Amino acid sequence: MSQSWLKDLEERVHAASKALRALRAENDKLKARIKELEDRTGGGESWQAEREEIRGRVEKLADHLAELLGDG
């Protein structure tokens, strides 16, 4: 009985293992990059606070414009 199927299986397992190692390395790099960006931006919390501040200011401007248009 030919064992070429076993050799093919071994090659596929080795290729999959190599691809998995590469993906894990890439994943580690991406996690490090995310951590770096979170550290620089305050973990997203500062963005949320800034977003809420901007939202509040825009709502006040919209209310002010609505008042001005209502008085016209």
N, C-alpha and C. Protein backbone atom coordinates (compact mmCIF):
# COMPACT_ATOMS: atom_id res chain seq x y z
N MET A 1 0.84 -1.19 0.00
CA MET A 1 0.00 0.00 0.00
C MET A 1 0.88 1.25 0.00
N SER A 2 0.56 2.18 -0.84
CA SER A 2 1.32 3.40 -0.98
C SER A 2 1.02 4.32 0.20
N GLN A 3 2.06 4.95 0.70
CA GLN A 3 1.88 5.86 1.82
C GLN A 3 2.03 7.32 1.38
N SER A 4 1.76 7.54 0.11
CA SER A 4 1.85 8.92 -0.38
C SER A 4 0.79 9.79 0.27
N TRP A 5 -0.32 9.22 0.64
CA TRP A 5 -1.37 9.99 1.30
C TRP A 5 -0.86 10.52 2.65
N LEU A 6 -0.02 9.70 3.30
CA LEU A 6 0.53 10.12 4.59
C LEU A 6 1.52 11.26 4.41
N LYS A 7 2.32 11.17 3.36
CA LYS A 7 3.26 12.26 3.06
C LYS A 7 2.49 13.53 2.72
N ASP A 8 1.43 13.42 1.93
CA ASP A 8 0.60 14.59 1.60
C ASP A 8 -0.01 15.19 2.86
N LEU A 9 -0.48 14.34 3.76
CA LEU A 9 -1.07 14.81 5.01
C LEU A 9 -0.03 15.53 5.85
N GLU A 10 1.16 14.98 5.94
CA GLU A 10 2.24 15.62 6.70
C GLU A 10 2.57 16.99 6.13
N GLU A 11 2.64 17.09 4.83
CA GLU A 11 2.94 18.38 4.19
C GLU A 11 1.85 19.40 4.47
N ARG A 12 0.62 18.95 4.44
CA ARG A 12 -0.49 19.87 4.71
C ARG A 12 -0.47 20.33 6.17
N VAL A 13 -0.18 19.40 7.07
CA VAL A 13 -0.12 19.76 8.49
C VAL A 13 1.02 20.75 8.73
N HIS A 14 2.17 20.51 8.12
CA HIS A 14 3.29 21.43 8.27
C HIS A 14 2.96 22.80 7.69
N ALA A 15 2.31 22.84 6.54
CA ALA A 15 1.92 24.11 5.92
C ALA A 15 0.92 24.85 6.81
N ALA A 16 -0.04 24.12 7.35
CA ALA A 16 -1.03 24.74 8.23
C ALA A 16 -0.37 25.27 9.50
N SER A 17 0.57 24.50 10.03
CA SER A 17 1.30 24.93 11.22
C SER A 17 2.10 26.20 10.96
N LYS A 18 2.74 26.25 9.82
CA LYS A 18 3.51 27.44 9.44
C LYS A 18 2.60 28.65 9.30
N ALA A 19 1.45 28.45 8.66
CA ALA A 19 0.49 29.55 8.48
C ALA A 19 -0.04 30.01 9.84
N LEU A 20 -0.30 29.07 10.72
CA LEU A 20 -0.80 29.41 12.05
C LEU A 20 0.22 30.22 12.84
N ARG A 21 1.49 29.83 12.77
CA ARG A 21 2.54 30.60 13.45
C ARG A 21 2.61 32.02 12.89
N ALA A 22 2.51 32.15 11.59
CA ALA A 22 2.55 33.48 10.96
C ALA A 22 1.36 34.32 11.40
N LEU A 23 0.19 33.72 11.46
CA LEU A 23 -1.00 34.46 11.88
C LEU A 23 -0.91 34.87 13.35
N ARG A 24 -0.37 33.99 14.18
CA ARG A 24 -0.19 34.33 15.59
C ARG A 24 0.78 35.50 15.75
N ALA A 25 1.86 35.48 14.98
CA ALA A 25 2.83 36.58 15.04
C ALA A 25 2.18 37.89 14.59
N GLU A 26 1.40 37.82 13.52
CA GLU A 26 0.72 39.02 13.04
C GLU A 26 -0.29 39.51 14.07
N ASN A 27 -1.00 38.59 14.70
CA ASN A 27 -1.96 38.95 15.73
C ASN A 27 -1.28 39.63 16.91
N ASP A 28 -0.12 39.12 17.32
CA ASP A 28 0.63 39.74 18.40
C ASP A 28 1.06 41.16 18.03
N LYS A 29 1.50 41.35 16.79
CA LYS A 29 1.88 42.69 16.33
C LYS A 29 0.69 43.64 16.36
N LEU A 30 -0.47 43.14 15.91
CA LEU A 30 -1.67 43.99 15.90
C LEU A 30 -2.12 44.33 17.32
N LYS A 31 -2.03 43.37 18.23
CA LYS A 31 -2.38 43.64 19.62
C LYS A 31 -1.46 44.70 20.21
N ALA A 32 -0.18 44.60 19.89
CA ALA A 32 0.78 45.60 20.38
C ALA A 32 0.47 46.98 19.81
N ARG A 33 0.10 47.03 18.54
CA ARG A 33 -0.25 48.30 17.90
C ARG A 33 -1.50 48.90 18.53
N ILE A 34 -2.50 48.07 18.80
CA ILE A 34 -3.73 48.54 19.46
C ILE A 34 -3.40 49.10 20.83
N LYS A 35 -2.57 48.39 21.58
CA LYS A 35 -2.18 48.85 22.92
C LYS A 35 -1.47 50.20 22.82
N GLU A 36 -0.56 50.31 21.85
CA GLU A 36 0.16 51.56 21.65
C GLU A 36 -0.80 52.71 21.35
N LEU A 37 -1.77 52.47 20.48
CA LEU A 37 -2.73 53.52 20.14
C LEU A 37 -3.64 53.85 21.31
N GLU A 38 -4.03 52.84 22.07
CA GLU A 38 -4.86 53.09 23.24
C GLU A 38 -4.10 53.91 24.28
N ASP A 39 -2.83 53.61 24.46
CA ASP A 39 -2.02 54.36 25.41
C ASP A 39 -1.90 55.82 24.97
N ARG A 40 -1.75 56.04 23.66
CA ARG A 40 -1.61 57.41 23.15
C ARG A 40 -2.92 58.18 23.23
N THR A 41 -4.05 57.49 23.13
CA THR A 41 -5.34 58.18 23.09
C THR A 41 -6.13 58.04 24.38
N GLY A 42 -5.55 57.47 25.40
CA GLY A 42 -6.28 57.31 26.66
C GLY A 42 -7.24 56.16 26.62
N GLY A 43 -6.96 55.15 25.83
CA GLY A 43 -7.79 53.96 25.81
C GLY A 43 -9.18 54.16 25.26
N GLY A 44 -9.39 55.21 24.52
CA GLY A 44 -10.70 55.43 23.94
C GLY A 44 -11.62 56.25 24.84
N GLU A 45 -11.28 56.32 26.12
CA GLU A 45 -12.13 57.06 27.06
C GLU A 45 -12.10 58.55 26.74
N SER A 46 -10.93 59.06 26.39
CA SER A 46 -10.87 60.48 26.07
C SER A 46 -11.64 60.80 24.80
N TRP A 47 -11.65 59.85 23.86
CA TRP A 47 -12.43 60.05 22.63
C TRP A 47 -13.92 60.12 22.97
N GLN A 48 -14.37 59.27 23.88
CA GLN A 48 -15.78 59.27 24.26
C GLN A 48 -16.15 60.59 24.92
N ALA A 49 -15.30 61.08 25.80
CA ALA A 49 -15.57 62.36 26.48
C ALA A 49 -15.59 63.49 25.47
N GLU A 50 -14.63 63.48 24.54
CA GLU A 50 -14.60 64.52 23.52
C GLU A 50 -15.83 64.46 22.64
N ARG A 51 -16.25 63.26 22.30
CA ARG A 51 -17.44 63.08 21.47
C ARG A 51 -18.67 63.65 22.17
N GLU A 52 -18.81 63.37 23.45
CA GLU A 52 -19.95 63.88 24.20
C GLU A 52 -19.92 65.41 24.31
N GLU A 53 -18.73 65.97 24.48
CA GLU A 53 -18.61 67.42 24.53
C GLU A 53 -19.03 68.05 23.21
N ILE A 54 -18.54 67.49 22.12
CA ILE A 54 -18.89 68.01 20.79
C ILE A 54 -20.38 67.88 20.55
N ARG A 55 -20.94 66.71 20.92
CA ARG A 55 -22.39 66.51 20.74
C ARG A 55 -23.17 67.58 21.50
N GLY A 56 -22.79 67.84 22.73
CA GLY A 56 -23.48 68.85 23.53
C GLY A 56 -23.39 70.23 22.91
N ARG A 57 -22.22 70.58 22.43
CA ARG A 57 -22.04 71.91 21.83
C ARG A 57 -22.85 72.05 20.55
N VAL A 58 -22.87 70.99 19.74
CA VAL A 58 -23.65 71.03 18.49
C VAL A 58 -25.14 71.12 18.80
N GLU A 59 -25.60 70.40 19.82
CA GLU A 59 -27.01 70.47 20.20
C GLU A 59 -27.38 71.89 20.66
N LYS A 60 -26.48 72.53 21.41
CA LYS A 60 -26.74 73.90 21.85
C LYS A 60 -26.82 74.86 20.66
N LEU A 61 -25.91 74.67 19.69
CA LEU A 61 -25.96 75.51 18.48
C LEU A 61 -27.26 75.28 17.71
N ALA A 62 -27.66 74.02 17.60
CA ALA A 62 -28.90 73.71 16.88
C ALA A 62 -30.10 74.33 17.60
N ASP A 63 -30.11 74.26 18.92
CA ASP A 63 -31.20 74.88 19.69
C ASP A 63 -31.22 76.39 19.49
N HIS A 64 -30.05 76.99 19.49
CA HIS A 64 -29.94 78.44 19.30
C HIS A 64 -30.45 78.84 17.92
N LEU A 65 -30.05 78.07 16.88
CA LEU A 65 -30.54 78.35 15.54
C LEU A 65 -32.05 78.16 15.45
N ALA A 66 -32.58 77.15 16.11
CA ALA A 66 -34.03 76.92 16.10
C ALA A 66 -34.75 78.10 16.74
N GLU A 67 -34.18 78.63 17.82
CA GLU A 67 -34.78 79.80 18.46
C GLU A 67 -34.78 81.00 17.53
N LEU A 68 -33.64 81.20 16.86
CA LEU A 68 -33.54 82.33 15.93
C LEU A 68 -34.53 82.20 14.78
N LEU A 69 -34.68 81.03 14.26
CA LEU A 69 -35.62 80.82 13.16
C LEU A 69 -37.06 80.94 13.62
N GLY A 70 -37.31 80.56 14.86
CA GLY A 70 -38.66 80.69 15.40
C GLY A 70 -39.08 82.12 15.63
N ASP A 71 -38.11 82.99 15.90
CA ASP A 71 -38.42 84.40 16.17
C ASP A 71 -38.59 85.21 14.89
N GLY A 72 -38.15 84.63 13.74
CA GLY A 72 -38.19 85.37 12.48
C GLY A 72 -39.56 85.58 12.01
